[in-house]
Amino acid sequence: MRTPGPWTCKGMHPYKIAETRGKWIMLDSPDTGGGPFYPAISIDEDNANAQFIVTACNCHDDLSEACEAVLPAIRWGMTHLPGNMNQWRDCESQIEAAIAKTKEV
């Protein structure tokens, strides 16, 4: 089960990067120098990664719902506009794959 959002970035401490409802996640701190499995990253890269995670978490449900909403239209197009069949199939497979990934979390 995942913690519901919305998530926000917190830049006041390098360990605490994203927070929602009093719960937080972190990346490797840039001041640790990394390690054998985790190379050191800059504070800017740490912050960019945090923002990416927050953005991905906050748009996950909307993107999943949008993919599920558009899939019937694509399938309708495959039936009623077969001249574009390769494009329809490409779109269908990409959207099905995206929906499947959202179910993995």
PDB file of N, CA and C in Angstrom:
ATOM      1  N   MET A   1       0.845  -1.173   0.000  1.00  0.00           N
ATOM      2  CA  MET A   1       0.000   0.000   0.000  1.00  0.00           C
ATOM      3  C   MET A   1       0.890   1.236   0.000  1.00  0.00           C
ATOM      4  N   ARG A   2       0.493   2.227  -0.761  1.00  0.00           N
ATOM      5  CA  ARG A   2       1.298   3.439  -0.814  1.00  0.00           C
ATOM      6  C   ARG A   2       0.625   4.563  -0.031  1.00  0.00           C
ATOM      7  N   THR A   3       1.430   5.496   0.400  1.00  0.00           N
ATOM      8  CA  THR A   3       0.929   6.650   1.138  1.00  0.00           C
ATOM      9  C   THR A   3       0.252   7.613   0.172  1.00  0.00           C
ATOM     10  N   PRO A   4      -0.967   8.033   0.456  1.00  0.00           N
ATOM     11  CA  PRO A   4      -1.616   8.991  -0.449  1.00  0.00           C
ATOM     12  C   PRO A   4      -0.929  10.353  -0.407  1.00  0.00           C
ATOM     13  N   GLY A   5      -1.014  11.069  -1.507  1.00  0.00           N
ATOM     14  CA  GLY A   5      -0.399  12.389  -1.631  1.00  0.00           C
ATOM     15  C   GLY A   5      -1.355  13.482  -1.241  1.00  0.00           C
ATOM     16  N   PRO A   6      -1.081  14.694  -1.634  1.00  0.00           N
ATOM     17  CA  PRO A   6      -0.001  15.081  -2.536  1.00  0.00           C
ATOM     18  C   PRO A   6       1.350  15.152  -1.810  1.00  0.00           C
ATOM     19  N   TRP A   7       2.415  14.925  -2.592  1.00  0.00           N
ATOM     20  CA  TRP A   7       3.776  14.997  -2.093  1.00  0.00           C
ATOM     21  C   TRP A   7       4.325  16.401  -2.339  1.00  0.00           C
ATOM     22  N   THR A   8       5.265  16.827  -1.507  1.00  0.00           N
ATOM     23  CA  THR A   8       5.955  18.107  -1.696  1.00  0.00           C
ATOM     24  C   THR A   8       7.448  17.891  -1.470  1.00  0.00           C
ATOM     25  N   CYS A   9       8.261  18.734  -2.101  1.00  0.00           N
ATOM     26  CA  CYS A   9       9.715  18.688  -1.891  1.00  0.00           C
ATOM     27  C   CYS A   9      10.064  19.479  -0.650  1.00  0.00           C
ATOM     28  N   LYS A  10      11.003  18.950   0.092  1.00  0.00           N
ATOM     29  CA  LYS A  10      11.542  19.637   1.265  1.00  0.00           C
ATOM     30  C   LYS A  10      13.042  19.735   1.077  1.00  0.00           C
ATOM     31  N   GLY A  11      13.552  20.951   0.942  1.00  0.00           N
ATOM     32  CA  GLY A  11      14.968  21.124   0.672  1.00  0.00           C
ATOM     33  C   GLY A  11      15.784  21.522   1.869  1.00  0.00           C
ATOM     34  N   MET A  12      15.203  21.537   3.069  1.00  0.00           N
ATOM     35  CA  MET A  12      15.933  22.043   4.220  1.00  0.00           C
ATOM     36  C   MET A  12      16.953  21.058   4.774  1.00  0.00           C
ATOM     37  N   HIS A  13      16.900  19.818   4.416  1.00  0.00           N
ATOM     38  CA  HIS A  13      17.846  18.825   4.904  1.00  0.00           C
ATOM     39  C   HIS A  13      18.098  17.847   3.769  1.00  0.00           C
ATOM     40  N   PRO A  14      19.340  17.516   3.474  1.00  0.00           N
ATOM     41  CA  PRO A  14      19.613  16.652   2.318  1.00  0.00           C
ATOM     42  C   PRO A  14      19.025  15.247   2.442  1.00  0.00           C
ATOM     43  N   TYR A  15      18.719  14.799   3.649  1.00  0.00           N
ATOM     44  CA  TYR A  15      18.133  13.469   3.793  1.00  0.00           C
ATOM     45  C   TYR A  15      16.639  13.461   3.519  1.00  0.00           C
ATOM     46  N   LYS A  16      15.958  14.548   3.827  1.00  0.00           N
ATOM     47  CA  LYS A  16      14.498  14.588   3.727  1.00  0.00           C
ATOM     48  C   LYS A  16      14.124  15.275   2.423  1.00  0.00           C
ATOM     49  N   ILE A  17      13.715  14.484   1.413  1.00  0.00           N
ATOM     50  CA  ILE A  17      13.517  15.096   0.109  1.00  0.00           C
ATOM     51  C   ILE A  17      12.068  15.246  -0.309  1.00  0.00           C
ATOM     52  N   ALA A  18      11.210  14.374   0.128  1.00  0.00           N
ATOM     53  CA  ALA A  18       9.817  14.450  -0.281  1.00  0.00           C
ATOM     54  C   ALA A  18       8.951  14.030   0.899  1.00  0.00           C
ATOM     55  N   GLU A  19       7.822  14.716   1.058  1.00  0.00           N
ATOM     56  CA  GLU A  19       7.012  14.471   2.238  1.00  0.00           C
ATOM     57  C   GLU A  19       5.531  14.537   1.889  1.00  0.00           C
ATOM     58  N   THR A  20       4.746  13.699   2.557  1.00  0.00           N
ATOM     59  CA  THR A  20       3.290  13.790   2.512  1.00  0.00           C
ATOM     60  C   THR A  20       2.737  13.228   3.811  1.00  0.00           C
ATOM     61  N   ARG A  21       1.818  13.924   4.380  1.00  0.00           N
ATOM     62  CA  ARG A  21       1.117  13.461   5.586  1.00  0.00           C
ATOM     63  C   ARG A  21       2.063  13.000   6.691  1.00  0.00           C
ATOM     64  N   GLY A  22       3.167  13.717   6.837  1.00  0.00           N
ATOM     65  CA  GLY A  22       4.124  13.397   7.884  1.00  0.00           C
ATOM     66  C   GLY A  22       5.053  12.241   7.563  1.00  0.00           C
ATOM     67  N   LYS A  23       4.945  11.663   6.382  1.00  0.00           N
ATOM     68  CA  LYS A  23       5.843  10.585   5.969  1.00  0.00           C
ATOM     69  C   LYS A  23       6.780  11.143   4.911  1.00  0.00           C
ATOM     70  N   TRP A  24       8.020  10.660   4.883  1.00  0.00           N
ATOM     71  CA  TRP A  24       8.974  11.196   3.929  1.00  0.00           C
ATOM     72  C   TRP A  24       9.825  10.093   3.329  1.00  0.00           C
ATOM     73  N   ILE A  25      10.415  10.408   2.174  1.00  0.00           N
ATOM     74  CA  ILE A  25      11.335   9.506   1.498  1.00  0.00           C
ATOM     75  C   ILE A  25      12.632  10.261   1.270  1.00  0.00           C
ATOM     76  N   MET A  26      13.710   9.537   1.034  1.00  0.00           N
ATOM     77  CA  MET A  26      14.996  10.208   0.849  1.00  0.00           C
ATOM     78  C   MET A  26      15.835   9.490  -0.196  1.00  0.00           C
ATOM     79  N   LEU A  27      16.820  10.217  -0.694  1.00  0.00           N
ATOM     80  CA  LEU A  27      17.860   9.664  -1.548  1.00  0.00           C
ATOM     81  C   LEU A  27      19.155   9.692  -0.756  1.00  0.00           C
ATOM     82  N   ASP A  28      20.200   9.105  -1.314  1.00  0.00           N
ATOM     83  CA  ASP A  28      21.506   9.150  -0.674  1.00  0.00           C
ATOM     84  C   ASP A  28      21.919  10.614  -0.506  1.00  0.00           C
ATOM     85  N   SER A  29      22.375  10.963   0.657  1.00  0.00           N
ATOM     86  CA  SER A  29      22.781  12.336   0.920  1.00  0.00           C
ATOM     87  C   SER A  29      24.072  12.675   0.188  1.00  0.00           C
ATOM     88  N   PRO A  30      24.159  13.863  -0.427  1.00  0.00           N
ATOM     89  CA  PRO A  30      25.388  14.227  -1.133  1.00  0.00           C
ATOM     90  C   PRO A  30      26.589  14.395  -0.215  1.00  0.00           C
ATOM     91  N   ASP A  31      26.362  14.579   1.082  1.00  0.00           N
ATOM     92  CA  ASP A  31      27.496  14.793   1.966  1.00  0.00           C
ATOM     93  C   ASP A  31      28.094  13.485   2.493  1.00  0.00           C
ATOM     94  N   THR A  32      27.555  12.338   2.096  1.00  0.00           N
ATOM     95  CA  THR A  32      28.102  11.072   2.581  1.00  0.00           C
ATOM     96  C   THR A  32      29.264  10.597   1.734  1.00  0.00           C
ATOM     97  N   GLY A  33      29.434  11.194   0.540  1.00  0.00           N
ATOM     98  CA  GLY A  33      30.497  10.743  -0.340  1.00  0.00           C
ATOM     99  C   GLY A  33      30.149   9.455  -1.063  1.00  0.00           C
ATOM    100  N   GLY A  34      28.918   9.043  -0.954  1.00  0.00           N
ATOM    101  CA  GLY A  34      28.495   7.834  -1.649  1.00  0.00           C
ATOM    102  C   GLY A  34      29.045   6.600  -0.963  1.00  0.00           C
ATOM    103  N   GLY A  35      29.305   5.599  -1.724  1.00  0.00           N
ATOM    104  CA  GLY A  35      29.820   4.344  -1.208  1.00  0.00           C
ATOM    105  C   GLY A  35      30.080   3.418  -2.380  1.00  0.00           C
ATOM    106  N   PRO A  36      30.397   2.177  -2.118  1.00  0.00           N
ATOM    107  CA  PRO A  36      30.719   1.271  -3.221  1.00  0.00           C
ATOM    108  C   PRO A  36      29.546   1.037  -4.162  1.00  0.00           C
ATOM    109  N   PHE A  37      28.332   1.148  -3.665  1.00  0.00           N
ATOM    110  CA  PHE A  37      27.161   0.908  -4.496  1.00  0.00           C
ATOM    111  C   PHE A  37      26.425   2.198  -4.856  1.00  0.00           C
ATOM    112  N   TYR A  38      26.706   3.268  -4.150  1.00  0.00           N
ATOM    113  CA  TYR A  38      26.013   4.534  -4.355  1.00  0.00           C
ATOM    114  C   TYR A  38      27.020   5.661  -4.525  1.00  0.00           C
ATOM    115  N   PRO A  39      27.300   6.068  -5.751  1.00  0.00           N
ATOM    116  CA  PRO A  39      28.250   7.169  -5.921  1.00  0.00           C
ATOM    117  C   PRO A  39      27.669   8.476  -5.371  1.00  0.00           C
ATOM    118  N   ALA A  40      28.545   9.351  -4.932  1.00  0.00           N
ATOM    119  CA  ALA A  40      28.106  10.646  -4.417  1.00  0.00           C
ATOM    120  C   ALA A  40      27.447  11.446  -5.528  1.00  0.00           C
ATOM    121  N   ILE A  41      26.395  12.184  -5.179  1.00  0.00           N
ATOM    122  CA  ILE A  41      25.740  13.072  -6.139  1.00  0.00           C
ATOM    123  C   ILE A  41      25.712  14.469  -5.550  1.00  0.00           C
ATOM    124  N   SER A  42      25.575  15.445  -6.422  1.00  0.00           N
ATOM    125  CA  SER A  42      25.560  16.831  -5.956  1.00  0.00           C
ATOM    126  C   SER A  42      24.212  17.151  -5.318  1.00  0.00           C
ATOM    127  N   ILE A  43      24.190  18.227  -4.558  1.00  0.00           N
ATOM    128  CA  ILE A  43      22.937  18.690  -3.951  1.00  0.00           C
ATOM    129  C   ILE A  43      21.938  19.049  -5.045  1.00  0.00           C
ATOM    130  N   ASP A  44      22.413  19.668  -6.138  1.00  0.00           N
ATOM    131  CA  ASP A  44      21.509  20.015  -7.245  1.00  0.00           C
ATOM    132  C   ASP A  44      20.876  18.769  -7.852  1.00  0.00           C
ATOM    133  N   GLU A  45      21.689  17.722  -8.046  1.00  0.00           N
ATOM    134  CA  GLU A  45      21.146  16.484  -8.609  1.00  0.00           C
ATOM    135  C   GLU A  45      20.182  15.827  -7.621  1.00  0.00           C
ATOM    136  N   ASP A  46      20.516  15.867  -6.343  1.00  0.00           N
ATOM    137  CA  ASP A  46      19.649  15.329  -5.299  1.00  0.00           C
ATOM    138  C   ASP A  46      18.299  16.044  -5.333  1.00  0.00           C
ATOM    139  N   ASN A  47      18.335  17.373  -5.420  1.00  0.00           N
ATOM    140  CA  ASN A  47      17.093  18.155  -5.466  1.00  0.00           C
ATOM    141  C   ASN A  47      16.302  17.874  -6.736  1.00  0.00           C
ATOM    142  N   ALA A  48      16.987  17.732  -7.881  1.00  0.00           N
ATOM    143  CA  ALA A  48      16.301  17.424  -9.141  1.00  0.00           C
ATOM    144  C   ALA A  48      15.642  16.052  -9.060  1.00  0.00           C
ATOM    145  N   ASN A  49      16.321  15.088  -8.472  1.00  0.00           N
ATOM    146  CA  ASN A  49      15.730  13.763  -8.298  1.00  0.00           C
ATOM    147  C   ASN A  49      14.513  13.817  -7.387  1.00  0.00           C
ATOM    148  N   ALA A  50      14.613  14.598  -6.321  1.00  0.00           N
ATOM    149  CA  ALA A  50      13.483  14.748  -5.405  1.00  0.00           C
ATOM    150  C   ALA A  50      12.282  15.344  -6.130  1.00  0.00           C
ATOM    151  N   GLN A  51      12.517  16.387  -6.920  1.00  0.00           N
ATOM    152  CA  GLN A  51      11.414  17.026  -7.648  1.00  0.00           C
ATOM    153  C   GLN A  51      10.794  16.048  -8.647  1.00  0.00           C
ATOM    154  N   PHE A  52      11.625  15.242  -9.309  1.00  0.00           N
ATOM    155  CA  PHE A  52      11.112  14.255 -10.259  1.00  0.00           C
ATOM    156  C   PHE A  52      10.227  13.228  -9.549  1.00  0.00           C
ATOM    157  N   ILE A  53      10.669  12.748  -8.401  1.00  0.00           N
ATOM    158  CA  ILE A  53       9.886  11.778  -7.634  1.00  0.00           C
ATOM    159  C   ILE A  53       8.556  12.388  -7.211  1.00  0.00           C
ATOM    160  N   VAL A  54       8.594  13.610  -6.717  1.00  0.00           N
ATOM    161  CA  VAL A  54       7.373  14.284  -6.286  1.00  0.00           C
ATOM    162  C   VAL A  54       6.412  14.468  -7.470  1.00  0.00           C
ATOM    163  N   THR A  55       6.931  14.920  -8.599  1.00  0.00           N
ATOM    164  CA  THR A  55       6.093  15.117  -9.789  1.00  0.00           C
ATOM    165  C   THR A  55       5.484  13.791 -10.232  1.00  0.00           C
ATOM    166  N   ALA A  56       6.292  12.735 -10.279  1.00  0.00           N
ATOM    167  CA  ALA A  56       5.794  11.420 -10.703  1.00  0.00           C
ATOM    168  C   ALA A  56       4.714  10.908  -9.755  1.00  0.00           C
ATOM    169  N   CYS A  57       4.935  11.055  -8.468  1.00  0.00           N
ATOM    170  CA  CYS A  57       3.933  10.606  -7.491  1.00  0.00           C
ATOM    171  C   CYS A  57       2.630  11.386  -7.644  1.00  0.00           C
ATOM    172  N   ASN A  58       2.744  12.695  -7.798  1.00  0.00           N
ATOM    173  CA  ASN A  58       1.550  13.529  -7.841  1.00  0.00           C
ATOM    174  C   ASN A  58       0.760  13.394  -9.140  1.00  0.00           C
ATOM    175  N   CYS A  59       1.391  13.003 -10.245  1.00  0.00           N
ATOM    176  CA  CYS A  59       0.652  12.869 -11.498  1.00  0.00           C
ATOM    177  C   CYS A  59       0.290  11.417 -11.812  1.00  0.00           C
ATOM    178  N   HIS A  60       0.736  10.470 -11.011  1.00  0.00           N
ATOM    179  CA  HIS A  60       0.515   9.047 -11.271  1.00  0.00           C
ATOM    180  C   HIS A  60      -0.962   8.718 -11.487  1.00  0.00           C
ATOM    181  N   ASP A  61      -1.813   9.076 -10.553  1.00  0.00           N
ATOM    182  CA  ASP A  61      -3.227   8.696 -10.653  1.00  0.00           C
ATOM    183  C   ASP A  61      -3.905   9.351 -11.852  1.00  0.00           C
ATOM    184  N   ASP A  62      -3.610  10.631 -12.100  1.00  0.00           N
ATOM    185  CA  ASP A  62      -4.212  11.323 -13.243  1.00  0.00           C
ATOM    186  C   ASP A  62      -3.786  10.694 -14.563  1.00  0.00           C
ATOM    187  N   LEU A  63      -2.504  10.365 -14.693  1.00  0.00           N
ATOM    188  CA  LEU A  63      -2.026   9.742 -15.930  1.00  0.00           C
ATOM    189  C   LEU A  63      -2.613   8.353 -16.117  1.00  0.00           C
ATOM    190  N   SER A  64      -2.720   7.608 -15.042  1.00  0.00           N
ATOM    191  CA  SER A  64      -3.312   6.279 -15.116  1.00  0.00           C
ATOM    192  C   SER A  64      -4.771   6.362 -15.570  1.00  0.00           C
ATOM    193  N   GLU A  65      -5.529   7.270 -14.978  1.00  0.00           N
ATOM    194  CA  GLU A  65      -6.931   7.449 -15.360  1.00  0.00           C
ATOM    195  C   GLU A  65      -7.062   7.921 -16.803  1.00  0.00           C
ATOM    196  N   ALA A  66      -6.173   8.809 -17.237  1.00  0.00           N
ATOM    197  CA  ALA A  66      -6.217   9.298 -18.615  1.00  0.00           C
ATOM    198  C   ALA A  66      -5.951   8.168 -19.600  1.00  0.00           C
ATOM    199  N   CYS A  67      -4.983   7.323 -19.294  1.00  0.00           N
ATOM    200  CA  CYS A  67      -4.685   6.187 -20.174  1.00  0.00           C
ATOM    201  C   CYS A  67      -5.883   5.243 -20.259  1.00  0.00           C
ATOM    202  N   GLU A  68      -6.483   4.959 -19.127  1.00  0.00           N
ATOM    203  CA  GLU A  68      -7.636   4.070 -19.135  1.00  0.00           C
ATOM    204  C   GLU A  68      -8.818   4.695 -19.879  1.00  0.00           C
ATOM    205  N   ALA A  69      -8.968   6.019 -19.808  1.00  0.00           N
ATOM    206  CA  ALA A  69     -10.069   6.692 -20.496  1.00  0.00           C
ATOM    207  C   ALA A  69      -9.878   6.711 -22.004  1.00  0.00           C
ATOM    208  N   VAL A  70      -8.653   6.843 -22.476  1.00  0.00           N
ATOM    209  CA  VAL A  70      -8.401   6.961 -23.911  1.00  0.00           C
ATOM    210  C   VAL A  70      -8.348   5.607 -24.618  1.00  0.00           C
ATOM    211  N   LEU A  71      -8.098   4.533 -23.894  1.00  0.00           N
ATOM    212  CA  LEU A  71      -7.970   3.224 -24.516  1.00  0.00           C
ATOM    213  C   LEU A  71      -9.217   2.806 -25.301  1.00  0.00           C
ATOM    214  N   PRO A  72     -10.436   2.990 -24.799  1.00  0.00           N
ATOM    215  CA  PRO A  72     -11.606   2.633 -25.610  1.00  0.00           C
ATOM    216  C   PRO A  72     -11.698   3.428 -26.917  1.00  0.00           C
ATOM    217  N   ALA A  73     -11.291   4.687 -26.900  1.00  0.00           N
ATOM    218  CA  ALA A  73     -11.312   5.489 -28.133  1.00  0.00           C
ATOM    219  C   ALA A  73     -10.328   4.938 -29.155  1.00  0.00           C
ATOM    220  N   ILE A  74      -9.184   4.505 -28.686  1.00  0.00           N
ATOM    221  CA  ILE A  74      -8.197   3.914 -29.594  1.00  0.00           C
ATOM    222  C   ILE A  74      -8.742   2.614 -30.188  1.00  0.00           C
ATOM    223  N   ARG A  75      -9.361   1.820 -29.349  1.00  0.00           N
ATOM    224  CA  ARG A  75      -9.932   0.563 -29.856  1.00  0.00           C
ATOM    225  C   ARG A  75     -11.082   0.832 -30.831  1.00  0.00           C
ATOM    226  N   TRP A  76     -11.848   1.879 -30.590  1.00  0.00           N
ATOM    227  CA  TRP A  76     -12.908   2.261 -31.522  1.00  0.00           C
ATOM    228  C   TRP A  76     -12.281   2.643 -32.861  1.00  0.00           C
ATOM    229  N   GLY A  77     -11.213   3.403 -32.823  1.00  0.00           N
ATOM    230  CA  GLY A  77     -10.532   3.802 -34.048  1.00  0.00           C
ATOM    231  C   GLY A  77      -9.993   2.612 -34.821  1.00  0.00           C
ATOM    232  N   MET A  78      -9.520   1.606 -34.105  1.00  0.00           N
ATOM    233  CA  MET A  78      -9.012   0.413 -34.773  1.00  0.00           C
ATOM    234  C   MET A  78     -10.122  -0.288 -35.551  1.00  0.00           C
ATOM    235  N   THR A  79     -11.335  -0.240 -35.015  1.00  0.00           N
ATOM    236  CA  THR A  79     -12.474  -0.896 -35.661  1.00  0.00           C
ATOM    237  C   THR A  79     -13.052  -0.049 -36.788  1.00  0.00           C
ATOM    238  N   HIS A  80     -13.172   1.244 -36.562  1.00  0.00           N
ATOM    239  CA  HIS A  80     -13.885   2.113 -37.495  1.00  0.00           C
ATOM    240  C   HIS A  80     -12.997   2.885 -38.463  1.00  0.00           C
ATOM    241  N   LEU A  81     -11.718   2.973 -38.179  1.00  0.00           N
ATOM    242  CA  LEU A  81     -10.780   3.678 -39.055  1.00  0.00           C
ATOM    243  C   LEU A  81      -9.564   2.789 -39.318  1.00  0.00           C
ATOM    244  N   PRO A  82      -9.780   1.639 -39.948  1.00  0.00           N
ATOM    245  CA  PRO A  82      -8.699   0.664 -40.088  1.00  0.00           C
ATOM    246  C   PRO A  82      -7.542   1.125 -40.965  1.00  0.00           C
ATOM    247  N   GLY A  83      -7.711   2.212 -41.704  1.00  0.00           N
ATOM    248  CA  GLY A  83      -6.607   2.714 -42.524  1.00  0.00           C
ATOM    249  C   GLY A  83      -5.416   3.137 -41.699  1.00  0.00           C
ATOM    250  N   ASN A  84      -5.623   3.428 -40.420  1.00  0.00           N
ATOM    251  CA  ASN A  84      -4.551   3.835 -39.512  1.00  0.00           C
ATOM    252  C   ASN A  84      -4.169   2.709 -38.554  1.00  0.00           C
ATOM    253  N   MET A  85      -4.377   1.476 -38.951  1.00  0.00           N
ATOM    254  CA  MET A  85      -4.238   0.335 -38.040  1.00  0.00           C
ATOM    255  C   MET A  85      -2.873   0.275 -37.354  1.00  0.00           C
ATOM    256  N   ASN A  86      -1.787   0.506 -38.076  1.00  0.00           N
ATOM    257  CA  ASN A  86      -0.465   0.445 -37.430  1.00  0.00           C
ATOM    258  C   ASN A  86      -0.320   1.513 -36.353  1.00  0.00           C
ATOM    259  N   GLN A  87      -0.796   2.710 -36.627  1.00  0.00           N
ATOM    260  CA  GLN A  87      -0.725   3.773 -35.625  1.00  0.00           C
ATOM    261  C   GLN A  87      -1.611   3.439 -34.424  1.00  0.00           C
ATOM    262  N   TRP A  88      -2.809   2.914 -34.695  1.00  0.00           N
ATOM    263  CA  TRP A  88      -3.710   2.552 -33.599  1.00  0.00           C
ATOM    264  C   TRP A  88      -3.082   1.473 -32.728  1.00  0.00           C
ATOM    265  N   ARG A  89      -2.498   0.447 -33.375  1.00  0.00           N
ATOM    266  CA  ARG A  89      -1.888  -0.645 -32.608  1.00  0.00           C
ATOM    267  C   ARG A  89      -0.711  -0.153 -31.778  1.00  0.00           C
ATOM    268  N   ASP A  90       0.107   0.731 -32.357  1.00  0.00           N
ATOM    269  CA  ASP A  90       1.231   1.292 -31.607  1.00  0.00           C
ATOM    270  C   ASP A  90       0.735   2.039 -30.373  1.00  0.00           C
ATOM    271  N   CYS A  91      -0.279   2.872 -30.560  1.00  0.00           N
ATOM    272  CA  CYS A  91      -0.838   3.632 -29.432  1.00  0.00           C
ATOM    273  C   CYS A  91      -1.441   2.694 -28.397  1.00  0.00           C
ATOM    274  N   GLU A  92      -2.186   1.708 -28.868  1.00  0.00           N
ATOM    275  CA  GLU A  92      -2.828   0.771 -27.952  1.00  0.00           C
ATOM    276  C   GLU A  92      -1.785   0.051 -27.102  1.00  0.00           C
ATOM    277  N   SER A  93      -0.724  -0.447 -27.728  1.00  0.00           N
ATOM    278  CA  SER A  93       0.276  -1.198 -26.964  1.00  0.00           C
ATOM    279  C   SER A  93       1.033  -0.295 -25.988  1.00  0.00           C
ATOM    280  N   GLN A  94       1.308   0.930 -26.387  1.00  0.00           N
ATOM    281  CA  GLN A  94       1.999   1.854 -25.477  1.00  0.00           C
ATOM    282  C   GLN A  94       1.125   2.188 -24.271  1.00  0.00           C
ATOM    283  N   ILE A  95      -0.141   2.427 -24.516  1.00  0.00           N
ATOM    284  CA  ILE A  95      -1.038   2.778 -23.413  1.00  0.00           C
ATOM    285  C   ILE A  95      -1.286   1.575 -22.515  1.00  0.00           C
ATOM    286  N   GLU A  96      -1.457   0.396 -23.095  1.00  0.00           N
ATOM    287  CA  GLU A  96      -1.615  -0.804 -22.272  1.00  0.00           C
ATOM    288  C   GLU A  96      -0.384  -1.025 -21.395  1.00  0.00           C
ATOM    289  N   ALA A  97       0.793  -0.817 -21.959  1.00  0.00           N
ATOM    290  CA  ALA A  97       2.028  -0.982 -21.179  1.00  0.00           C
ATOM    291  C   ALA A  97       2.101   0.040 -20.046  1.00  0.00           C
ATOM    292  N   ALA A  98       1.710   1.277 -20.334  1.00  0.00           N
ATOM    293  CA  ALA A  98       1.724   2.312 -19.291  1.00  0.00           C
ATOM    294  C   ALA A  98       0.747   1.985 -18.177  1.00  0.00           C
ATOM    295  N   ILE A  99      -0.441   1.516 -18.545  1.00  0.00           N
ATOM    296  CA  ILE A  99      -1.436   1.135 -17.526  1.00  0.00           C
ATOM    297  C   ILE A  99      -0.897  -0.014 -16.684  1.00  0.00           C
ATOM    298  N   ALA A 100      -0.282  -0.995 -17.320  1.00  0.00           N
ATOM    299  CA  ALA A 100       0.270  -2.139 -16.582  1.00  0.00           C
ATOM    300  C   ALA A 100       1.331  -1.674 -15.576  1.00  0.00           C
ATOM    301  N   LYS A 101       2.164  -0.710 -15.966  1.00  0.00           N
ATOM    302  CA  LYS A 101       3.185  -0.202 -15.046  1.00  0.00           C
ATOM    303  C   LYS A 101       2.565   0.489 -13.844  1.00  0.00           C
ATOM    304  N   THR A 102       1.448   1.195 -14.044  1.00  0.00           N
ATOM    305  CA  THR A 102       0.813   1.867 -12.904  1.00  0.00           C
ATOM    306  C   THR A 102       0.231   0.878 -11.914  1.00  0.00           C
ATOM    307  N   LYS A 103      -0.059  -0.316 -12.368  1.00  0.00           N
ATOM    308  CA  LYS A 103      -0.622  -1.342 -11.483  1.00  0.00           C
ATOM    309  C   LYS A 103       0.468  -2.020 -10.659  1.00  0.00           C
ATOM    310  N   GLU A 104       1.738  -1.851 -11.045  1.00  0.00           N
ATOM    311  CA  GLU A 104       2.859  -2.487 -10.355  1.00  0.00           C
ATOM    312  C   GLU A 104       3.178  -1.817  -9.019  1.00  0.00           C
ATOM    313  N   VAL A 105       2.796  -0.567  -8.855  1.00  0.00           N
ATOM    314  CA  VAL A 105       3.172   0.152  -7.625  1.00  0.00           C
ATOM    315  C   VAL A 105       2.252  -0.166  -6.486  1.00  0.00           C
TER     316      VAL A 105
END
